[in-house]
């Protein structure tokens, strides 16, 4: 019985100031194999330290990974620009970056995605801005661990992808109603506002499950931040009202807060387990509970398989990756060409040896039949000569017979001459000119000769003497 091939695993990492998370899954079909996280105490905020601890505890070997950064590590802004041309939008954003962040342009990385057009001639975009040192520090650590990031994105976009996978299929939400996803992580909460499944706005709260479980003031501030969310949407000129609320991530012990939020919003807020729709193994469920971290964004990114709209890999790293990939392809091509050249050389040498072997055999056989072939050629030449003489069209007797049958008492033939492949020459005398021409006509009628012609008919030999000399040239027909 043939063994079934195990689908390849895909690894995605998520890094935030106090936590680093890993999710390992197969994508076809999607199945979560392993989750794990490394967290830091509240007084320590260093994403590189958290990621290093995670990779030391959960080594993954040299391979490619996907990388997400937590929402709190970014500045996400929704902007409405007076253009619908992507090239013009990119130019406008490039000019606006200096005004939207207090850091110099050389110290930041940015990415953006289209949200949609809500009025004619204008386009709303979601702009992500982060410190370059944060991303470059993480990338350097991954490089030291032998890992290459295929893409670098924002966790908010992963939450949007998660909702596109787990949202109930059916009719679209009523016009003007917004869906709010509240993803509670270890040390932060990401509020994502969607319009018909499309990311419209994002708001980060620097309070996570670690603070919610330990401090009542933190719980009050957390509820207060969420209660202010509808006013924030109005301030950002986002039209619509919250028509649905979903709480996911680390939700243990948050039922009372959900009831308070429901009463404040006037909208039912449901609690969803972020991993339950993917039917993870019991070991995965237990690991997620122990680490008290949200894997919503990581699961959404890998389950959807959609490309990242906001990709924040630095241009230098992207160029380096492209050069490395090209160098690998060139190395593989060089090895392949080397192997082909070696095979070609071996085949060429083998062909030479075979041809030399055949040549030796042919020389031996030619030496054996050389004398016999000479005798055969000599016999063929002799047979050809005999055949040419015996053939009626070349036979001397046939020539004499044709001349004799054409002659009459008035014709005297004095000479008949011919050689192989040359015309027959007939010389003689006739008593009269008409007799000579009659003889010429009879030769033509015999069928033995071709192209019968006379070369000369001299005048009479003397006074009172009649007659003429003649010389007739006849071609013999080609032998069959």
Protein backbone atom coordinates (compact mmCIF):
# COMPACT_ATOMS: atom_id res chain seq x y z
CA UNK A 1 0.00 0.00 0.00
CA UNK A 2 1.46 3.36 -1.06
CA UNK A 3 2.22 5.84 1.71
CA UNK A 4 0.39 9.16 1.52
CA UNK A 5 2.63 12.17 1.06
CA UNK A 6 2.55 14.59 4.01
CA UNK A 7 1.61 18.12 2.89
CA UNK A 8 4.37 20.71 3.48
CA UNK A 9 4.05 22.90 6.56
CA UNK A 10 3.93 26.70 6.54
CA UNK A 11 5.18 28.80 9.44
CA UNK A 12 3.94 32.28 10.36
CA UNK A 13 5.31 34.47 13.12
CA UNK A 14 3.72 37.44 14.87
CA UNK A 15 5.82 39.91 16.83
CA UNK A 16 4.60 42.59 19.25
CA UNK A 17 6.41 44.57 21.99
CA UNK A 18 5.67 42.00 24.72
CA UNK A 19 4.94 38.81 22.84
CA UNK A 20 6.12 36.67 19.96
CA UNK A 21 3.87 33.95 18.52
CA UNK A 22 4.24 31.07 16.09
CA UNK A 23 1.66 29.07 14.16
CA UNK A 24 2.57 26.01 12.08
CA UNK A 25 -0.04 24.65 9.68
CA UNK A 26 -0.57 22.86 6.42
CA UNK A 27 -2.32 24.95 3.80
CA UNK A 28 -3.80 22.28 1.52
CA UNK A 29 -5.94 21.33 3.35
CA UNK A 30 -5.60 23.91 6.11
CA UNK A 31 -4.86 22.22 9.42
CA UNK A 32 -3.18 23.79 12.44
CA UNK A 33 -0.33 21.61 13.66
CA UNK A 34 1.26 23.67 16.41
CA UNK A 35 1.02 27.02 18.20
CA UNK A 36 3.31 28.57 20.74
CA UNK A 37 4.20 31.95 22.20
CA UNK A 38 6.81 33.70 24.27
CA UNK A 39 5.70 36.62 26.49
CA UNK A 40 7.50 39.27 28.53
CA UNK A 41 6.51 40.94 31.82
CA UNK A 42 4.82 44.34 31.73
CA UNK A 43 7.99 46.30 32.54
CA UNK A 44 9.86 44.76 29.59
CA UNK A 45 8.98 45.66 25.99
CA UNK A 46 11.42 44.23 23.46
CA UNK A 47 10.01 42.31 20.47
CA UNK A 48 13.47 41.00 19.52
CA UNK A 49 13.94 39.48 22.98
CA UNK A 50 10.51 37.84 22.86
CA UNK A 51 11.13 36.46 19.38
CA UNK A 52 14.59 35.16 20.31
CA UNK A 53 13.14 33.31 23.32
CA UNK A 54 10.43 31.79 21.12
CA UNK A 55 12.86 30.61 18.41
CA UNK A 56 15.26 29.20 21.01
CA UNK A 57 12.44 27.21 22.58
CA UNK A 58 10.83 26.25 19.24
CA UNK A 59 13.56 25.96 16.57
CA UNK A 60 12.20 25.68 13.04
CA UNK A 61 15.36 25.14 10.97
CA UNK A 62 16.38 26.99 7.82
CA UNK A 63 13.24 27.81 5.88
CA UNK A 64 10.95 30.62 4.75
CA UNK A 65 8.36 32.11 7.09
CA UNK A 66 5.66 34.75 7.07
CA UNK A 67 5.94 37.64 9.52
CA UNK A 68 3.26 39.81 11.11
CA UNK A 69 3.77 42.73 13.45
CA UNK A 70 1.24 43.54 16.15
CA UNK A 71 -1.09 46.49 15.62
CA UNK A 72 0.46 48.43 18.53
CA UNK A 73 3.82 48.51 16.72
CA UNK A 74 2.32 50.56 13.88
CA UNK A 75 0.62 53.83 13.23
CA UNK A 76 -2.44 53.00 11.10
CA UNK A 77 -4.22 55.95 9.53
CA UNK A 78 -7.22 56.07 7.23
CA UNK A 79 -6.82 58.84 4.65
CA UNK A 80 -9.14 60.08 1.90
CA UNK A 81 -7.21 61.37 -1.10
CA UNK A 82 -8.57 63.32 -4.10
CA UNK A 83 -7.63 60.78 -6.76
CA UNK A 84 -8.56 57.35 -8.08
CA UNK A 85 -5.26 56.71 -9.90
CA UNK A 86 -3.01 54.35 -7.89
CA UNK A 87 0.13 56.11 -9.16
CA UNK A 88 -1.14 59.51 -8.07
CA UNK A 89 -2.23 58.07 -4.72
CA UNK A 90 1.27 56.67 -4.14
CA UNK A 91 2.80 60.06 -4.92
CA UNK A 92 0.38 61.85 -2.55
CA UNK A 93 1.14 59.41 0.26
CA UNK A 94 4.85 59.84 -0.31
CA UNK A 95 4.43 63.60 0.19
CA UNK A 96 2.21 63.14 3.26
CA UNK A 97 4.52 60.76 5.12
CA UNK A 98 6.71 63.56 6.43
CA UNK A 99 3.67 65.24 8.01
CA UNK A 100 2.11 62.09 9.51
CA UNK A 101 5.07 60.98 11.62
CA UNK A 102 7.57 62.83 13.80
CA UNK A 103 10.42 60.59 12.62
CA UNK A 104 12.71 61.38 9.65
CA UNK A 105 11.80 59.66 6.40
CA UNK A 106 14.97 57.57 6.50
CA UNK A 107 13.88 56.02 9.82
CA UNK A 108 10.41 54.79 8.84
CA UNK A 109 8.83 52.12 6.67
CA UNK A 110 5.36 52.44 5.21
CA UNK A 111 2.76 50.49 3.29
CA UNK A 112 -0.80 51.12 2.23
CA UNK A 113 -3.86 49.42 0.81
CA UNK A 114 -7.03 50.66 -0.86
CA UNK A 115 -10.11 50.76 1.33
CA UNK A 116 -12.54 51.96 -1.33
CA UNK A 117 -14.12 54.99 -2.95
CA UNK A 118 -17.03 56.49 -1.02
CA UNK A 119 -17.48 59.63 -3.09
CA UNK A 120 -16.71 60.52 -6.68
CA UNK A 121 -13.10 61.39 -7.39
CA UNK A 122 -11.83 60.38 -3.93
CA UNK A 123 -10.20 57.19 -2.62
CA UNK A 124 -9.86 56.05 0.99
CA UNK A 125 -6.63 54.25 1.85
CA UNK A 126 -5.25 52.60 4.97
CA UNK A 127 -1.67 53.72 5.63
CA UNK A 128 0.69 51.78 7.93
CA UNK A 129 3.84 53.46 9.28
CA UNK A 130 6.48 51.88 11.55
CA UNK A 131 9.99 52.56 12.79
CA UNK A 132 12.55 50.94 10.52
CA UNK A 133 14.71 49.92 13.49
CA UNK A 134 11.93 47.69 14.83
CA UNK A 135 11.50 45.76 11.60
CA UNK A 136 15.21 45.61 10.75
CA UNK A 137 16.05 44.27 14.24
CA UNK A 138 13.57 41.42 13.81
CA UNK A 139 14.78 40.69 10.27
CA UNK A 140 18.39 40.51 11.44
CA UNK A 141 17.43 38.02 14.14
CA UNK A 142 15.56 35.88 11.61
CA UNK A 143 18.57 35.96 9.31
CA UNK A 144 20.82 34.85 12.16
CA UNK A 145 18.41 31.93 12.78
CA UNK A 146 18.50 30.94 9.09
CA UNK A 147 14.95 32.16 8.39
CA UNK A 148 13.84 34.26 5.42
CA UNK A 149 10.57 36.24 5.62
CA UNK A 150 8.42 35.89 2.51
CA UNK A 151 6.28 38.85 3.54
CA UNK A 152 5.97 41.31 6.40
CA UNK A 153 2.45 42.47 7.25
CA UNK A 154 0.23 43.96 9.94
CA UNK A 155 -1.82 41.80 12.30
CA UNK A 156 -4.93 43.89 11.57
CA UNK A 157 -4.96 42.62 8.01
CA UNK A 158 -4.67 39.08 9.36
CA UNK A 159 -7.79 39.64 11.50
CA UNK A 160 -9.63 40.81 8.37
CA UNK A 161 -8.54 37.60 6.59
CA UNK A 162 -9.71 35.52 9.58
CA UNK A 163 -13.18 37.05 9.38
CA UNK A 164 -13.36 36.41 5.63
CA UNK A 165 -12.82 32.71 6.39
CA UNK A 166 -15.04 32.20 9.45
CA UNK A 167 -17.83 34.73 8.75
CA UNK A 168 -21.18 33.06 8.04
CA UNK A 169 -21.99 32.94 4.36
CA UNK A 170 -25.14 34.66 3.22
CA UNK A 171 -26.58 38.03 2.43
CA UNK A 172 -24.45 41.14 2.83
CA UNK A 173 -24.86 43.35 5.89
CA UNK A 174 -27.49 46.10 5.65
CA UNK A 175 -26.24 49.32 4.15
CA UNK A 176 -24.47 51.52 6.71
CA UNK A 177 -23.92 48.76 9.26
CA UNK A 178 -20.34 48.04 10.32
CA UNK A 179 -18.82 44.92 11.85
CA UNK A 180 -16.37 45.39 14.69
CA UNK A 181 -13.90 42.63 15.52
CA UNK A 182 -12.27 42.91 18.97
CA UNK A 183 -9.17 40.72 19.12
CA UNK A 184 -7.86 40.48 22.69
CA UNK A 185 -4.15 39.59 22.75
CA UNK A 186 -1.71 39.07 25.60
CA UNK A 187 -0.81 42.76 26.07
CA UNK A 188 -3.05 44.67 23.62
CA UNK A 189 -6.43 44.71 21.92
CA UNK A 190 -6.92 45.28 18.19
CA UNK A 191 -10.29 46.75 17.17
CA UNK A 192 -10.94 46.22 13.47
CA UNK A 193 -13.91 47.85 11.76
CA UNK A 194 -15.16 46.17 8.58
CA UNK A 195 -17.70 47.20 5.99
CA UNK A 196 -19.07 44.15 4.16
CA UNK A 197 -15.91 42.24 5.06
CA UNK A 198 -13.58 45.01 3.87
CA UNK A 199 -11.12 46.61 6.31
CA UNK A 200 -12.26 50.17 6.94
CA UNK A 201 -10.62 51.30 10.17
CA UNK A 202 -8.35 49.99 12.93
CA UNK A 203 -7.90 51.10 16.53
CA UNK A 204 -5.39 49.73 19.03
CA UNK A 205 -5.87 49.61 22.81
CA UNK A 206 -2.74 49.11 24.91
CA UNK A 207 -4.58 46.78 27.29
CA UNK A 208 -4.56 43.02 26.82
CA UNK A 209 -5.72 39.93 28.67
CA UNK A 210 -2.72 40.09 31.00
CA UNK A 211 -3.90 43.45 32.39
CA UNK A 212 -7.60 42.59 32.20
CA UNK A 213 -7.12 39.52 34.35
CA UNK A 214 -5.08 41.37 36.99
CA UNK A 215 -6.51 44.88 37.37
CA UNK A 216 -10.01 46.27 37.71
CA UNK A 217 -8.94 49.76 36.56
CA UNK A 218 -7.57 48.20 33.40
CA UNK A 219 -10.96 46.56 32.78
CA UNK A 220 -12.71 49.90 33.22
CA UNK A 221 -10.30 51.67 30.86
CA UNK A 222 -10.70 48.87 28.31
CA UNK A 223 -14.51 49.19 28.31
CA UNK A 224 -14.22 52.97 28.18
CA UNK A 225 -11.98 52.82 25.10
CA UNK A 226 -14.44 50.58 23.30
CA UNK A 227 -17.41 52.74 24.28
CA UNK A 228 -15.62 55.69 22.65
CA UNK A 229 -15.18 53.76 19.39
CA UNK A 230 -18.38 55.05 17.68
CA UNK A 231 -17.29 58.63 18.41
CA UNK A 232 -13.84 57.91 17.01
CA UNK A 233 -15.47 56.65 13.81
CA UNK A 234 -17.42 59.89 13.51
CA UNK A 235 -14.25 61.89 14.05
CA UNK A 236 -12.54 59.92 11.29
CA UNK A 237 -15.52 60.70 9.00
CA UNK A 238 -16.39 57.03 8.67
CA UNK A 239 -20.03 56.75 7.76
CA UNK A 240 -22.13 53.99 9.29
CA UNK A 241 -22.90 52.58 12.68
CA UNK A 242 -21.77 49.48 14.49
CA UNK A 243 -24.29 46.78 13.67
CA UNK A 244 -22.38 43.73 14.85
CA UNK A 245 -19.69 43.05 17.45
CA UNK A 246 -17.44 39.99 17.70
CA UNK A 247 -14.97 39.36 20.54
CA UNK A 248 -12.20 36.85 19.80
CA UNK A 249 -8.66 36.04 20.84
CA UNK A 250 -8.11 35.39 24.57
CA UNK A 251 -11.69 35.64 25.83
CA UNK A 252 -11.55 33.69 29.07
CA UNK A 253 -13.18 35.60 31.93
CA UNK A 254 -14.40 38.51 29.75
CA UNK A 255 -18.11 37.66 29.76
CA UNK A 256 -18.96 40.50 32.21
CA UNK A 257 -17.11 43.04 30.06
CA UNK A 258 -18.97 41.83 26.98
CA UNK A 259 -22.29 42.41 28.73
CA UNK A 260 -21.24 45.98 29.64
CA UNK A 261 -20.16 46.65 26.07
CA UNK A 262 -23.41 45.25 24.69
CA UNK A 263 -25.44 47.59 26.89
CA UNK A 264 -23.33 50.61 25.89
CA UNK A 265 -23.35 49.94 22.14
CA UNK A 266 -26.89 48.68 22.01
CA UNK A 267 -25.66 45.86 19.79
CA UNK A 268 -25.16 42.24 20.76
CA UNK A 269 -21.47 41.31 21.02
CA UNK A 270 -20.81 37.62 20.48
CA UNK A 271 -17.76 35.70 21.62
CA UNK A 272 -15.96 33.49 19.06
CA UNK A 273 -13.07 31.13 19.63
CA UNK A 274 -10.53 32.15 16.97
CA UNK A 275 -9.23 28.58 16.44
CA UNK A 276 -12.50 26.63 16.84
CA UNK A 277 -13.61 27.01 13.16
CA UNK A 278 -10.44 25.19 12.08
CA UNK A 279 -10.97 22.15 14.39
CA UNK A 280 -7.47 22.14 15.90
CA UNK A 281 -6.12 19.08 17.75
CA UNK A 282 -6.50 19.04 21.56
CA UNK A 283 -2.77 19.74 22.00
CA UNK A 284 -3.13 22.95 20.00
CA UNK A 285 -6.12 24.08 22.09
CA UNK A 286 -4.22 23.42 25.31
CA UNK A 287 -1.15 25.29 24.09
CA UNK A 288 -3.27 28.33 23.11
CA UNK A 289 -4.86 28.40 26.57
CA UNK A 290 -1.53 28.11 28.37
CA UNK A 291 0.20 30.87 26.40
CA UNK A 292 -2.80 33.27 26.82
CA UNK A 293 -2.05 34.80 23.39
CA UNK A 294 -4.32 35.40 20.40
CA UNK A 295 -3.63 33.46 17.21
CA UNK A 296 -6.47 35.08 15.26
CA UNK A 297 -4.30 37.02 12.82
CA UNK A 298 -1.89 34.13 12.18
CA UNK A 299 -4.72 31.65 11.55
CA UNK A 300 -6.49 34.13 9.25
CA UNK A 301 -3.37 34.81 7.19
CA UNK A 302 -2.59 31.14 6.55
CA UNK A 303 -6.20 29.94 6.21
CA UNK A 304 -7.19 32.56 3.63
CA UNK A 305 -4.06 32.19 1.50
CA UNK A 306 -4.64 35.73 0.24
CA UNK A 307 -1.57 37.87 -0.55
CA UNK A 308 -0.74 40.67 1.85
CA UNK A 309 -1.88 44.06 0.62
CA UNK A 310 0.41 45.85 3.07
CA UNK A 311 3.92 44.42 2.72
CA UNK A 312 6.57 46.15 4.84
CA UNK A 313 9.73 44.33 3.87
CA UNK A 314 12.44 47.02 3.44
CA UNK A 315 13.51 47.62 -0.15
CA UNK A 316 17.08 46.65 0.72
CA UNK A 317 15.91 43.32 2.15
CA UNK A 318 13.65 42.75 -0.86
CA UNK A 319 16.57 43.39 -3.23
CA UNK A 320 18.79 41.09 -1.17
CA UNK A 321 16.16 38.34 -1.29
CA UNK A 322 15.79 38.77 -5.04
CA UNK A 323 19.55 38.57 -5.53
CA UNK A 324 19.80 35.51 -3.29
CA UNK A 325 16.97 33.80 -5.15
CA UNK A 326 18.57 34.66 -8.48
CA UNK A 327 21.97 33.42 -7.30
CA UNK A 328 20.37 30.14 -6.20
CA UNK A 329 18.69 29.78 -9.58
CA UNK A 330 21.98 30.55 -11.34
CA UNK A 331 23.82 28.04 -9.14
CA UNK A 332 21.22 25.38 -9.92
CA UNK A 333 21.45 26.26 -13.60
CA UNK A 334 25.25 26.04 -13.48
CA UNK A 335 25.08 22.63 -11.79
CA UNK A 336 22.51 21.44 -14.32
CA UNK A 337 24.63 22.69 -17.22
CA UNK A 338 27.70 21.04 -15.68
CA UNK A 339 25.87 17.73 -15.39
CA UNK A 340 24.62 18.06 -18.97
CA UNK A 341 28.12 18.83 -20.22
CA UNK A 342 29.52 15.81 -18.38
CA UNK A 343 26.80 13.59 -19.82
CA UNK A 344 27.38 15.05 -23.28
CA UNK A 345 31.13 14.41 -22.91
CA UNK A 346 30.52 10.83 -21.80
CA UNK A 347 28.12 10.23 -24.69
CA UNK A 348 30.54 11.82 -27.15
CA UNK A 349 33.42 9.68 -25.89
CA UNK A 350 31.24 6.58 -26.02
CA UNK A 351 30.20 7.44 -29.57
CA UNK A 352 33.84 7.86 -30.60
CA UNK A 353 34.76 4.47 -29.12
CA UNK A 354 31.83 2.78 -30.83
CA UNK A 355 32.65 4.41 -34.17
CA UNK A 356 36.29 3.38 -33.85
CA UNK A 357 35.21 -0.18 -33.11
CA UNK A 358 32.97 -0.18 -36.18
CA UNK A 359 35.77 1.35 -38.25
CA UNK A 360 38.14 -1.43 -37.20
CA UNK A 361 35.57 -4.05 -38.11
CA UNK A 362 34.96 -2.42 -41.48
CA UNK A 363 38.67 -2.25 -42.25
CA UNK A 364 39.02 -5.94 -41.45
CA UNK A 365 36.08 -6.87 -43.66
CA UNK A 366 37.30 -4.61 -46.47
CA UNK A 367 40.71 -6.26 -46.31
CA UNK A 368 39.02 -9.65 -46.65
CA UNK A 369 36.86 -8.75 -49.62
CA UNK A 370 39.28 -6.39 -51.39
CA UNK A 371 40.85 -9.07 -53.60
CA UNK A 372 37.51 -10.69 -54.34
CA UNK A 373 36.02 -7.33 -55.26
CA UNK A 374 38.87 -6.67 -57.71
CA UNK A 375 38.20 -9.99 -59.41
CA UNK A 376 34.50 -9.21 -59.58
CA UNK A 377 35.23 -5.82 -61.17
CA UNK A 378 37.51 -7.42 -63.75
CA UNK A 379 34.86 -10.00 -64.58
CA UNK A 380 32.22 -7.30 -64.84
CA UNK A 381 34.39 -5.39 -67.30
CA UNK A 382 34.94 -8.51 -69.37
CA UNK A 383 31.23 -9.33 -69.35
CA UNK A 384 30.43 -5.77 -70.38
CA UNK A 385 32.77 -6.01 -73.35
CA UNK A 386 31.31 -9.35 -74.43
CA UNK A 387 27.77 -8.06 -74.00
CA UNK A 388 28.53 -4.96 -76.03
CA UNK A 389 29.82 -7.06 -78.90
CA UNK A 390 26.97 -9.53 -78.74
CA UNK A 391 24.27 -6.83 -78.52
CA UNK A 392 22.61 -6.52 -81.99
CA UNK A 393 22.92 -2.75 -82.09
CA UNK A 394 26.66 -2.95 -81.49
CA UNK A 395 27.44 -6.18 -83.40
CA UNK A 396 29.78 -5.93 -86.43
CA UNK A 397 27.73 -8.59 -88.16
CA UNK A 398 24.60 -6.49 -87.67
CA UNK A 399 26.35 -3.50 -89.24
CA UNK A 400 27.52 -5.58 -92.21
CA UNK A 401 24.08 -7.09 -92.57
CA UNK A 402 22.39 -3.69 -92.66
CA UNK A 403 24.89 -2.38 -95.23
CA UNK A 404 24.53 -5.50 -97.38
CA UNK A 405 20.74 -5.30 -97.36
CA UNK A 406 20.85 -1.63 -98.34
CA UNK A 407 23.38 -2.05 -101.20
CA UNK A 408 22.52 -2.91 -104.82
CA UNK A 409 24.59 -3.54 -108.00
CA UNK A 410 25.09 0.19 -108.49
CA UNK A 411 26.74 0.57 -105.08
CA UNK A 412 30.28 -0.48 -104.31
CA UNK A 413 31.23 -0.31 -100.58
CA UNK A 414 34.98 0.09 -100.17
CA UNK A 415 35.30 0.62 -96.38
CA UNK A 416 33.28 0.20 -93.18
CA UNK A 417 34.86 1.45 -89.95
CA UNK A 418 33.60 1.92 -86.41
CA UNK A 419 34.75 1.90 -82.78
CA UNK A 420 33.02 1.60 -79.45
CA UNK A 421 30.84 4.61 -78.70
CA UNK A 422 31.74 6.20 -82.07
CA UNK A 423 29.70 6.57 -85.30
CA UNK A 424 30.02 4.05 -88.17
CA UNK A 425 31.66 5.41 -91.31
CA UNK A 426 30.74 3.83 -94.67
CA UNK A 427 32.77 4.75 -97.79
CA UNK A 428 32.20 3.67 -101.38
CA UNK A 429 31.17 4.64 -104.92
CA UNK A 430 27.90 4.76 -106.79
CA UNK A 431 27.33 4.73 -110.50
CA UNK A 432 24.98 7.66 -110.28
CA UNK A 433 24.05 10.31 -107.81
CA UNK A 434 20.50 9.04 -107.50
CA UNK A 435 21.87 5.58 -106.68
CA UNK A 436 23.96 7.06 -103.84
CA UNK A 437 20.97 8.89 -102.39
CA UNK A 438 18.82 5.80 -102.73
CA UNK A 439 21.47 3.85 -100.78
CA UNK A 440 21.39 6.55 -98.11
CA UNK A 441 17.62 6.30 -97.84
CA UNK A 442 17.73 2.52 -97.51
CA UNK A 443 20.24 2.78 -94.63
CA UNK A 444 17.87 5.09 -92.83
CA UNK A 445 14.98 2.68 -93.31
CA UNK A 446 16.90 -0.28 -91.87
CA UNK A 447 16.44 0.91 -88.27
CA UNK A 448 19.94 -0.25 -87.39
CA UNK A 449 21.42 3.23 -87.51
CA UNK A 450 20.46 6.64 -86.15
CA UNK A 451 21.29 10.09 -87.54
CA UNK A 452 22.36 8.81 -90.97
CA UNK A 453 24.05 11.59 -92.93
CA UNK A 454 26.50 12.00 -95.79
CA UNK A 455 29.67 14.02 -95.49
CA UNK A 456 30.67 14.40 -99.14
CA UNK A 457 29.57 13.43 -102.65
CA UNK A 458 32.46 14.38 -104.97
CA UNK A 459 31.96 14.99 -108.65
CA UNK A 460 32.63 12.36 -111.41
CA UNK A 461 36.16 11.04 -111.71
CA UNK A 462 36.68 12.20 -115.31
CA UNK A 463 35.20 13.05 -118.66
CA UNK A 464 32.69 10.55 -119.87
CA UNK A 465 32.77 8.76 -116.57
CA UNK A 466 29.59 8.84 -114.48
CA UNK A 467 29.21 7.99 -110.77
CA UNK A 468 30.28 9.48 -107.47
CA UNK A 469 32.19 8.67 -104.26
CA UNK A 470 30.35 8.92 -100.98
CA UNK A 471 31.04 8.85 -97.22
CA UNK A 472 28.09 8.13 -94.98
CA UNK A 473 28.19 8.59 -91.15
CA UNK A 474 25.73 6.65 -89.00
CA UNK A 475 25.21 6.63 -85.23
CA UNK A 476 24.57 3.35 -83.47
CA UNK A 477 21.62 3.42 -81.04
CA UNK A 478 22.41 3.36 -77.30
CA UNK A 479 22.55 -0.09 -75.80
CA UNK A 480 19.68 -1.04 -73.49
